[in-house]
């Protein structure tokens, strides 16, 4: 078991260039600077209310380096899976930008697929909770997964069918939109539902995502509840202000609300 992914949420949101700077030397990718600029050019008008830098952080994540082990996604997932949480600290600025982007995307609920060219079925036991600490690349298309480019139809394989509730469809922000890629957030937890040997070296595992009251991944939005609802105090102030604008200064001075509530309050008064 690893410690929760915590601390990155306290970092400021910065440009993609600034977010990647602390890990630039770790990646050993001569084309990284070019990839950052390309990602930003291709994300000039992003969907899902993402900023250009947020969308570009997803696009950069999906880009390959000449050597796979130098790819940003490969090195980041190594750090996420490391027992030593100090190894994750250089990634905090990028994680803040990247996870802020992913949390803005609507959640995908339903069946997604993931596969590897190994027999991993023996690792999974029923009645146990499993945690995938890395960011897991899945697809909603079994045909895409079984194409020769990915899992194929021959050799030793493990095919995972995952019933997810918080998947993130990144097609609109990916460098490879035709891959129907769904990302599962780091530290996603699962229950094992079914394990089968389907012959021809194909092993099948069905997993169901579990949402717990103690998540292992802290929200990228520091101090803001996941519901994005203002507190009772903020709602009370907003109601009074909309009926009596003259009391605005008095109420703001007399009522203590958080910075997040102040932002939500401002939105309600527009």
C-alpha atoms as a PDB file:
ATOM      1  CA  UNK A   1       0.000   0.000   0.000  1.00  0.00           C
ATOM      2  CA  UNK A   2       1.143   3.525  -0.815  1.00  0.00           C
ATOM      3  CA  UNK A   3       0.447   6.869   0.804  1.00  0.00           C
ATOM      4  CA  UNK A   4      -2.335   8.984  -0.768  1.00  0.00           C
ATOM      5  CA  UNK A   5      -1.453  11.334  -3.610  1.00  0.00           C
ATOM      6  CA  UNK A   6      -1.414  14.592  -1.711  1.00  0.00           C
ATOM      7  CA  UNK A   7       0.332  17.973  -1.793  1.00  0.00           C
ATOM      8  CA  UNK A   8       0.170  18.733  -5.508  1.00  0.00           C
ATOM      9  CA  UNK A   9      -3.186  20.475  -5.044  1.00  0.00           C
ATOM     10  CA  UNK A  10      -1.438  23.280  -3.140  1.00  0.00           C
ATOM     11  CA  UNK A  11       0.578  24.308  -6.196  1.00  0.00           C
ATOM     12  CA  UNK A  12      -0.531  27.292  -8.321  1.00  0.00           C
ATOM     13  CA  UNK A  13      -1.978  26.792 -11.778  1.00  0.00           C
ATOM     14  CA  UNK A  14       0.743  27.793 -14.228  1.00  0.00           C
ATOM     15  CA  UNK A  15       1.372  27.569 -17.963  1.00  0.00           C
ATOM     16  CA  UNK A  16       2.251  24.203 -19.485  1.00  0.00           C
ATOM     17  CA  UNK A  17       5.817  25.411 -20.065  1.00  0.00           C
ATOM     18  CA  UNK A  18       6.205  26.268 -16.367  1.00  0.00           C
ATOM     19  CA  UNK A  19       4.480  23.071 -15.228  1.00  0.00           C
ATOM     20  CA  UNK A  20       6.879  20.835 -17.162  1.00  0.00           C
ATOM     21  CA  UNK A  21      10.050  22.770 -16.284  1.00  0.00           C
ATOM     22  CA  UNK A  22      10.775  20.830 -13.012  1.00  0.00           C
ATOM     23  CA  UNK A  23      10.758  17.479 -14.889  1.00  0.00           C
ATOM     24  CA  UNK A  24      12.330  18.622 -18.161  1.00  0.00           C
ATOM     25  CA  UNK A  25      15.697  17.022 -17.394  1.00  0.00           C
ATOM     26  CA  UNK A  26      14.084  13.814 -16.112  1.00  0.00           C
ATOM     27  CA  UNK A  27      12.398  13.116 -19.437  1.00  0.00           C
ATOM     28  CA  UNK A  28      15.464  13.136 -21.706  1.00  0.00           C
ATOM     29  CA  UNK A  29      13.246  13.940 -24.691  1.00  0.00           C
ATOM     30  CA  UNK A  30      14.954  16.253 -27.201  1.00  0.00           C
ATOM     31  CA  UNK A  31      11.586  17.001 -28.801  1.00  0.00           C
ATOM     32  CA  UNK A  32       9.791  17.950 -25.579  1.00  0.00           C
ATOM     33  CA  UNK A  33       9.928  21.708 -26.197  1.00  0.00           C
ATOM     34  CA  UNK A  34       8.533  21.224 -29.711  1.00  0.00           C
ATOM     35  CA  UNK A  35       5.785  18.936 -28.377  1.00  0.00           C
ATOM     36  CA  UNK A  36       4.713  21.532 -25.821  1.00  0.00           C
ATOM     37  CA  UNK A  37       4.398  24.214 -28.504  1.00  0.00           C
ATOM     38  CA  UNK A  38       2.581  21.825 -30.864  1.00  0.00           C
ATOM     39  CA  UNK A  39       0.160  20.794 -28.121  1.00  0.00           C
ATOM     40  CA  UNK A  40      -0.664  24.427 -27.353  1.00  0.00           C
ATOM     41  CA  UNK A  41      -1.159  25.323 -31.027  1.00  0.00           C
ATOM     42  CA  UNK A  42      -3.556  22.409 -31.448  1.00  0.00           C
ATOM     43  CA  UNK A  43      -5.521  23.430 -28.333  1.00  0.00           C
ATOM     44  CA  UNK A  44      -6.220  27.057 -29.219  1.00  0.00           C
ATOM     45  CA  UNK A  45      -9.997  26.622 -28.814  1.00  0.00           C
ATOM     46  CA  UNK A  46     -10.517  23.662 -26.447  1.00  0.00           C
ATOM     47  CA  UNK A  47     -13.814  22.011 -25.543  1.00  0.00           C
ATOM     48  CA  UNK A  48     -15.255  21.319 -22.073  1.00  0.00           C
ATOM     49  CA  UNK A  49     -14.457  24.827 -20.792  1.00  0.00           C
ATOM     50  CA  UNK A  50     -10.768  23.963 -20.449  1.00  0.00           C
ATOM     51  CA  UNK A  51      -8.072  26.591 -20.810  1.00  0.00           C
ATOM     52  CA  UNK A  52      -5.511  26.231 -23.581  1.00  0.00           C
ATOM     53  CA  UNK A  53      -2.846  25.078 -21.112  1.00  0.00           C
ATOM     54  CA  UNK A  54      -5.177  22.585 -19.428  1.00  0.00           C
ATOM     55  CA  UNK A  55      -6.176  21.006 -22.735  1.00  0.00           C
ATOM     56  CA  UNK A  56      -2.559  21.012 -23.935  1.00  0.00           C
ATOM     57  CA  UNK A  57      -1.469  19.205 -20.757  1.00  0.00           C
ATOM     58  CA  UNK A  58      -3.725  16.293 -21.759  1.00  0.00           C
ATOM     59  CA  UNK A  59      -2.481  16.350 -25.354  1.00  0.00           C
ATOM     60  CA  UNK A  60       1.132  16.330 -24.191  1.00  0.00           C
ATOM     61  CA  UNK A  61       0.387  13.359 -21.916  1.00  0.00           C
ATOM     62  CA  UNK A  62      -0.750  11.315 -24.939  1.00  0.00           C
ATOM     63  CA  UNK A  63       2.377  12.031 -27.022  1.00  0.00           C
ATOM     64  CA  UNK A  64       5.091   9.384 -27.357  1.00  0.00           C
ATOM     65  CA  UNK A  65       8.841   9.895 -27.129  1.00  0.00           C
ATOM     66  CA  UNK A  66      11.175   8.009 -29.479  1.00  0.00           C
ATOM     67  CA  UNK A  67      12.017   5.765 -26.533  1.00  0.00           C
ATOM     68  CA  UNK A  68       8.811   4.839 -24.695  1.00  0.00           C
ATOM     69  CA  UNK A  69      10.569   5.022 -21.331  1.00  0.00           C
ATOM     70  CA  UNK A  70      11.287   8.720 -21.961  1.00  0.00           C
ATOM     71  CA  UNK A  71       7.634   9.538 -22.644  1.00  0.00           C
ATOM     72  CA  UNK A  72       6.031  11.915 -20.180  1.00  0.00           C
ATOM     73  CA  UNK A  73       3.177   9.506 -19.414  1.00  0.00           C
ATOM     74  CA  UNK A  74       5.639   6.675 -18.703  1.00  0.00           C
ATOM     75  CA  UNK A  75       7.790   8.686 -16.284  1.00  0.00           C
ATOM     76  CA  UNK A  76       4.788  10.241 -14.544  1.00  0.00           C
ATOM     77  CA  UNK A  77       3.188   6.855 -13.935  1.00  0.00           C
ATOM     78  CA  UNK A  78       6.479   5.518 -12.586  1.00  0.00           C
ATOM     79  CA  UNK A  79       6.449   8.343 -10.040  1.00  0.00           C
ATOM     80  CA  UNK A  80       2.787   7.764  -9.142  1.00  0.00           C
ATOM     81  CA  UNK A  81       3.505   4.085  -8.428  1.00  0.00           C
ATOM     82  CA  UNK A  82       6.688   4.734  -6.426  1.00  0.00           C
ATOM     83  CA  UNK A  83       6.679   3.925  -2.711  1.00  0.00           C
ATOM     84  CA  UNK A  84       8.875   6.976  -2.119  1.00  0.00           C
ATOM     85  CA  UNK A  85       6.429   9.872  -2.462  1.00  0.00           C
ATOM     86  CA  UNK A  86       9.375  12.308  -2.736  1.00  0.00           C
ATOM     87  CA  UNK A  87       9.754  11.119  -6.339  1.00  0.00           C
ATOM     88  CA  UNK A  88       6.361  12.619  -7.128  1.00  0.00           C
ATOM     89  CA  UNK A  89       7.215  16.139  -5.941  1.00  0.00           C
ATOM     90  CA  UNK A  90       8.895  17.327  -9.184  1.00  0.00           C
ATOM     91  CA  UNK A  91       5.621  16.461 -10.927  1.00  0.00           C
ATOM     92  CA  UNK A  92       3.380  18.514  -8.635  1.00  0.00           C
ATOM     93  CA  UNK A  93       3.013  21.529 -10.973  1.00  0.00           C
ATOM     94  CA  UNK A  94       2.194  19.345 -13.967  1.00  0.00           C
ATOM     95  CA  UNK A  95      -0.191  17.184 -11.916  1.00  0.00           C
ATOM     96  CA  UNK A  96      -2.012  20.311 -10.747  1.00  0.00           C
ATOM     97  CA  UNK A  97      -2.576  21.442 -14.348  1.00  0.00           C
ATOM     98  CA  UNK A  98      -3.292  17.979 -15.763  1.00  0.00           C
ATOM     99  CA  UNK A  99      -5.681  16.817 -13.027  1.00  0.00           C
ATOM    100  CA  UNK A 100      -7.463  20.185 -12.979  1.00  0.00           C
ATOM    101  CA  UNK A 101      -8.149  19.549 -16.669  1.00  0.00           C
ATOM    102  CA  UNK A 102      -9.325  15.970 -16.112  1.00  0.00           C
ATOM    103  CA  UNK A 103     -11.601  16.930 -13.214  1.00  0.00           C
ATOM    104  CA  UNK A 104     -13.347  19.443 -15.520  1.00  0.00           C
ATOM    105  CA  UNK A 105     -14.294  16.694 -17.976  1.00  0.00           C
ATOM    106  CA  UNK A 106     -17.637  14.930 -17.510  1.00  0.00           C
ATOM    107  CA  UNK A 107     -17.326  11.541 -15.823  1.00  0.00           C
ATOM    108  CA  UNK A 108     -17.824   8.426 -17.935  1.00  0.00           C
ATOM    109  CA  UNK A 109     -19.994   5.776 -16.288  1.00  0.00           C
ATOM    110  CA  UNK A 110     -20.109   2.338 -17.882  1.00  0.00           C
ATOM    111  CA  UNK A 111     -17.911  -0.346 -19.407  1.00  0.00           C
ATOM    112  CA  UNK A 112     -14.361   0.363 -20.562  1.00  0.00           C
ATOM    113  CA  UNK A 113     -11.596  -2.007 -21.631  1.00  0.00           C
ATOM    114  CA  UNK A 114      -7.916  -2.338 -20.830  1.00  0.00           C
ATOM    115  CA  UNK A 115      -5.469  -5.063 -21.797  1.00  0.00           C
ATOM    116  CA  UNK A 116      -1.851  -6.159 -21.500  1.00  0.00           C
ATOM    117  CA  UNK A 117       0.218  -8.829 -23.234  1.00  0.00           C
ATOM    118  CA  UNK A 118       0.828 -10.697 -19.979  1.00  0.00           C
ATOM    119  CA  UNK A 119      -1.089 -13.087 -17.751  1.00  0.00           C
ATOM    120  CA  UNK A 120      -2.071 -10.943 -14.782  1.00  0.00           C
ATOM    121  CA  UNK A 121      -5.131 -12.966 -13.776  1.00  0.00           C
ATOM    122  CA  UNK A 122      -3.264 -14.677 -10.913  1.00  0.00           C
ATOM    123  CA  UNK A 123      -2.654 -11.302  -9.267  1.00  0.00           C
ATOM    124  CA  UNK A 124      -6.352 -10.659  -8.744  1.00  0.00           C
ATOM    125  CA  UNK A 125      -8.370 -12.348  -6.021  1.00  0.00           C
ATOM    126  CA  UNK A 126     -12.065 -11.935  -5.354  1.00  0.00           C
ATOM    127  CA  UNK A 127     -13.241 -10.184  -2.186  1.00  0.00           C
ATOM    128  CA  UNK A 128     -10.240  -7.883  -2.232  1.00  0.00           C
ATOM    129  CA  UNK A 129      -9.925  -4.207  -3.099  1.00  0.00           C
ATOM    130  CA  UNK A 130      -7.262  -3.308  -5.634  1.00  0.00           C
ATOM    131  CA  UNK A 131      -5.737   0.097  -6.291  1.00  0.00           C
ATOM    132  CA  UNK A 132      -4.269   1.187  -9.616  1.00  0.00           C
ATOM    133  CA  UNK A 133      -1.928   3.990  -8.587  1.00  0.00           C
ATOM    134  CA  UNK A 134      -1.063   5.098 -12.097  1.00  0.00           C
ATOM    135  CA  UNK A 135      -3.223   6.854 -14.680  1.00  0.00           C
ATOM    136  CA  UNK A 136      -4.850   3.995 -16.571  1.00  0.00           C
ATOM    137  CA  UNK A 137      -5.452   4.218 -20.299  1.00  0.00           C
ATOM    138  CA  UNK A 138      -8.639   2.430 -21.375  1.00  0.00           C
ATOM    139  CA  UNK A 139     -10.976   2.460 -24.360  1.00  0.00           C
ATOM    140  CA  UNK A 140     -14.728   2.149 -24.725  1.00  0.00           C
ATOM    141  CA  UNK A 141     -14.174   0.065 -27.879  1.00  0.00           C
ATOM    142  CA  UNK A 142     -13.170  -3.582 -27.513  1.00  0.00           C
ATOM    143  CA  UNK A 143     -12.381  -3.627 -31.249  1.00  0.00           C
ATOM    144  CA  UNK A 144      -9.796  -0.853 -30.800  1.00  0.00           C
ATOM    145  CA  UNK A 145      -8.166  -2.773 -27.942  1.00  0.00           C
ATOM    146  CA  UNK A 146      -8.023  -6.031 -29.924  1.00  0.00           C
ATOM    147  CA  UNK A 147      -6.441  -4.389 -32.973  1.00  0.00           C
ATOM    148  CA  UNK A 148      -2.849  -5.476 -33.825  1.00  0.00           C
ATOM    149  CA  UNK A 149      -1.607  -2.048 -32.711  1.00  0.00           C
ATOM    150  CA  UNK A 150      -2.597  -2.817 -29.108  1.00  0.00           C
ATOM    151  CA  UNK A 151      -3.568  -6.184 -27.597  1.00  0.00           C
ATOM    152  CA  UNK A 152      -4.160  -8.194 -30.771  1.00  0.00           C
ATOM    153  CA  UNK A 153      -5.769 -11.656 -30.901  1.00  0.00           C
ATOM    154  CA  UNK A 154      -2.775 -13.925 -30.331  1.00  0.00           C
ATOM    155  CA  UNK A 155      -0.330 -14.747 -27.567  1.00  0.00           C
ATOM    156  CA  UNK A 156      -0.637 -14.348 -23.814  1.00  0.00           C
ATOM    157  CA  UNK A 157      -3.109 -11.603 -22.964  1.00  0.00           C
ATOM    158  CA  UNK A 158      -5.144 -10.292 -20.042  1.00  0.00           C
ATOM    159  CA  UNK A 159      -8.328  -8.468 -20.961  1.00  0.00           C
ATOM    160  CA  UNK A 160      -9.903  -6.291 -18.261  1.00  0.00           C
ATOM    161  CA  UNK A 161     -13.533  -5.220 -18.420  1.00  0.00           C
ATOM    162  CA  UNK A 162     -13.954  -2.302 -16.032  1.00  0.00           C
ATOM    163  CA  UNK A 163     -17.235  -0.892 -14.775  1.00  0.00           C
ATOM    164  CA  UNK A 164     -16.147   2.671 -14.102  1.00  0.00           C
ATOM    165  CA  UNK A 165     -17.926   5.682 -12.627  1.00  0.00           C
ATOM    166  CA  UNK A 166     -15.231   8.356 -12.928  1.00  0.00           C
ATOM    167  CA  UNK A 167     -13.593   7.691 -16.287  1.00  0.00           C
ATOM    168  CA  UNK A 168     -12.505  10.717 -18.333  1.00  0.00           C
ATOM    169  CA  UNK A 169     -13.081  10.767 -22.098  1.00  0.00           C
ATOM    170  CA  UNK A 170     -10.094  12.669 -23.517  1.00  0.00           C
ATOM    171  CA  UNK A 171     -10.842  12.307 -27.244  1.00  0.00           C
ATOM    172  CA  UNK A 172     -11.383  16.044 -27.699  1.00  0.00           C
ATOM    173  CA  UNK A 173      -7.967  16.745 -26.155  1.00  0.00           C
ATOM    174  CA  UNK A 174      -5.854  13.769 -27.245  1.00  0.00           C
ATOM    175  CA  UNK A 175      -3.118  13.675 -29.871  1.00  0.00           C
ATOM    176  CA  UNK A 176      -4.777  10.415 -31.015  1.00  0.00           C
ATOM    177  CA  UNK A 177      -8.551  11.105 -30.998  1.00  0.00           C
ATOM    178  CA  UNK A 178      -9.397   7.912 -32.915  1.00  0.00           C
ATOM    179  CA  UNK A 179      -8.242   5.685 -30.069  1.00  0.00           C
ATOM    180  CA  UNK A 180     -11.437   6.344 -28.060  1.00  0.00           C
ATOM    181  CA  UNK A 181      -9.239   6.782 -24.996  1.00  0.00           C
ATOM    182  CA  UNK A 182     -10.762   6.907 -21.529  1.00  0.00           C
ATOM    183  CA  UNK A 183      -8.428   7.710 -18.641  1.00  0.00           C
ATOM    184  CA  UNK A 184      -8.982   6.389 -15.145  1.00  0.00           C
ATOM    185  CA  UNK A 185      -7.659   8.741 -12.492  1.00  0.00           C
ATOM    186  CA  UNK A 186      -4.642   7.732 -10.416  1.00  0.00           C
ATOM    187  CA  UNK A 187      -5.364   5.779  -7.221  1.00  0.00           C
ATOM    188  CA  UNK A 188      -8.642   4.393  -8.569  1.00  0.00           C
ATOM    189  CA  UNK A 189      -9.875   1.472  -6.456  1.00  0.00           C
ATOM    190  CA  UNK A 190     -11.619  -1.667  -7.705  1.00  0.00           C
ATOM    191  CA  UNK A 191     -13.450  -4.770  -6.543  1.00  0.00           C
ATOM    192  CA  UNK A 192     -12.798  -7.991  -8.485  1.00  0.00           C
ATOM    193  CA  UNK A 193     -16.086  -9.341  -9.867  1.00  0.00           C
ATOM    194  CA  UNK A 194     -15.022 -12.167 -12.185  1.00  0.00           C
ATOM    195  CA  UNK A 195     -11.902 -14.043 -13.349  1.00  0.00           C
ATOM    196  CA  UNK A 196     -11.936 -16.442 -16.307  1.00  0.00           C
ATOM    197  CA  UNK A 197      -9.492 -18.360 -18.479  1.00  0.00           C
ATOM    198  CA  UNK A 198     -11.033 -18.031 -21.941  1.00  0.00           C
ATOM    199  CA  UNK A 199      -8.561 -20.247 -23.811  1.00  0.00           C
ATOM    200  CA  UNK A 200      -5.887 -19.416 -26.402  1.00  0.00           C
ATOM    201  CA  UNK A 201      -3.847 -17.725 -23.651  1.00  0.00           C
ATOM    202  CA  UNK A 202      -6.597 -15.142 -23.114  1.00  0.00           C
ATOM    203  CA  UNK A 203      -7.315 -14.316 -19.484  1.00  0.00           C
ATOM    204  CA  UNK A 204     -10.347 -12.236 -18.496  1.00  0.00           C
ATOM    205  CA  UNK A 205     -10.799 -10.077 -15.398  1.00  0.00           C
ATOM    206  CA  UNK A 206     -13.889  -8.004 -14.602  1.00  0.00           C
ATOM    207  CA  UNK A 207     -13.430  -5.094 -12.194  1.00  0.00           C
ATOM    208  CA  UNK A 208     -15.847  -2.615 -10.653  1.00  0.00           C
ATOM    209  CA  UNK A 209     -14.707   0.847  -9.588  1.00  0.00           C
ATOM    210  CA  UNK A 210     -15.269   1.618  -5.919  1.00  0.00           C
ATOM    211  CA  UNK A 211     -15.885   5.127  -4.631  1.00  0.00           C
ATOM    212  CA  UNK A 212     -14.879   5.398  -0.973  1.00  0.00           C
ATOM    213  CA  UNK A 213     -15.326   8.070   1.673  1.00  0.00           C
ATOM    214  CA  UNK A 214     -11.532   8.275   1.986  1.00  0.00           C
ATOM    215  CA  UNK A 215     -10.148   8.844  -1.531  1.00  0.00           C
ATOM    216  CA  UNK A 216      -6.465   8.197  -2.147  1.00  0.00           C
ATOM    217  CA  UNK A 217      -6.246  11.090  -4.619  1.00  0.00           C
ATOM    218  CA  UNK A 218      -6.786  14.583  -3.266  1.00  0.00           C
ATOM    219  CA  UNK A 219      -8.890  16.929  -5.402  1.00  0.00           C
ATOM    220  CA  UNK A 220      -6.854  19.415  -7.467  1.00  0.00           C
ATOM    221  CA  UNK A 221      -9.176  22.204  -6.354  1.00  0.00           C
ATOM    222  CA  UNK A 222      -7.819  23.080  -2.929  1.00  0.00           C
ATOM    223  CA  UNK A 223     -10.480  23.767  -0.305  1.00  0.00           C
ATOM    224  CA  UNK A 224     -13.450  23.586  -2.684  1.00  0.00           C
ATOM    225  CA  UNK A 225     -15.976  20.811  -1.979  1.00  0.00           C
ATOM    226  CA  UNK A 226     -16.462  18.424  -4.883  1.00  0.00           C
ATOM    227  CA  UNK A 227     -20.123  19.492  -5.166  1.00  0.00           C
ATOM    228  CA  UNK A 228     -18.985  23.065  -5.981  1.00  0.00           C
ATOM    229  CA  UNK A 229     -21.897  24.255  -3.807  1.00  0.00           C
ATOM    230  CA  UNK A 230     -21.498  27.441  -1.749  1.00  0.00           C
ATOM    231  CA  UNK A 231     -21.858  27.128   2.007  1.00  0.00           C
ATOM    232  CA  UNK A 232     -25.081  27.987   3.835  1.00  0.00           C
ATOM    233  CA  UNK A 233     -23.510  31.292   4.913  1.00  0.00           C
ATOM    234  CA  UNK A 234     -22.664  32.252   1.338  1.00  0.00           C
ATOM    235  CA  UNK A 235     -26.163  31.342   0.114  1.00  0.00           C
ATOM    236  CA  UNK A 236     -27.663  33.499   2.881  1.00  0.00           C
ATOM    237  CA  UNK A 237     -25.495  36.479   1.949  1.00  0.00           C
ATOM    238  CA  UNK A 238     -26.282  36.068  -1.761  1.00  0.00           C
ATOM    239  CA  UNK A 239     -30.026  36.020  -1.067  1.00  0.00           C
ATOM    240  CA  UNK A 240     -29.834  39.175   1.012  1.00  0.00           C
ATOM    241  CA  UNK A 241     -27.692  40.982  -1.535  1.00  0.00           C
ATOM    242  CA  UNK A 242     -30.017  40.207  -4.414  1.00  0.00           C
ATOM    243  CA  UNK A 243     -32.919  41.734  -2.473  1.00  0.00           C
ATOM    244  CA  UNK A 244     -31.061  44.674  -0.968  1.00  0.00           C
ATOM    245  CA  UNK A 245     -27.971  45.793  -2.900  1.00  0.00           C
ATOM    246  CA  UNK A 246     -27.579  48.826  -0.612  1.00  0.00           C
ATOM    247  CA  UNK A 247     -26.550  46.525   2.238  1.00  0.00           C
ATOM    248  CA  UNK A 248     -23.757  45.004   0.178  1.00  0.00           C
ATOM    249  CA  UNK A 249     -20.751  46.575   1.945  1.00  0.00           C
ATOM    250  CA  UNK A 250     -22.199  46.007   5.408  1.00  0.00           C
ATOM    251  CA  UNK A 251     -22.899  42.334   4.805  1.00  0.00           C
ATOM    252  CA  UNK A 252     -19.551  41.594   3.228  1.00  0.00           C
ATOM    253  CA  UNK A 253     -17.760  43.219   6.169  1.00  0.00           C
ATOM    254  CA  UNK A 254     -19.861  41.466   8.813  1.00  0.00           C
ATOM    255  CA  UNK A 255     -19.996  37.954   7.314  1.00  0.00           C
ATOM    256  CA  UNK A 256     -17.021  35.612   7.274  1.00  0.00           C
ATOM    257  CA  UNK A 257     -16.921  33.357   4.228  1.00  0.00           C
ATOM    258  CA  UNK A 258     -14.127  31.474   2.512  1.00  0.00           C
ATOM    259  CA  UNK A 259     -12.328  32.619  -0.643  1.00  0.00           C
ATOM    260  CA  UNK A 260     -14.067  29.857  -2.576  1.00  0.00           C
ATOM    261  CA  UNK A 261     -17.465  31.000  -1.280  1.00  0.00           C
ATOM    262  CA  UNK A 262     -16.590  34.550  -2.286  1.00  0.00           C
ATOM    263  CA  UNK A 263     -15.993  33.394  -5.868  1.00  0.00           C
ATOM    264  CA  UNK A 264     -19.273  31.470  -5.937  1.00  0.00           C
ATOM    265  CA  UNK A 265     -21.028  34.446  -4.368  1.00  0.00           C
ATOM    266  CA  UNK A 266     -19.673  36.712  -7.085  1.00  0.00           C
ATOM    267  CA  UNK A 267     -20.992  34.357  -9.754  1.00  0.00           C
ATOM    268  CA  UNK A 268     -24.465  34.342  -8.227  1.00  0.00           C
ATOM    269  CA  UNK A 269     -24.635  38.143  -8.319  1.00  0.00           C
ATOM    270  CA  UNK A 270     -23.754  38.537 -12.000  1.00  0.00           C
END
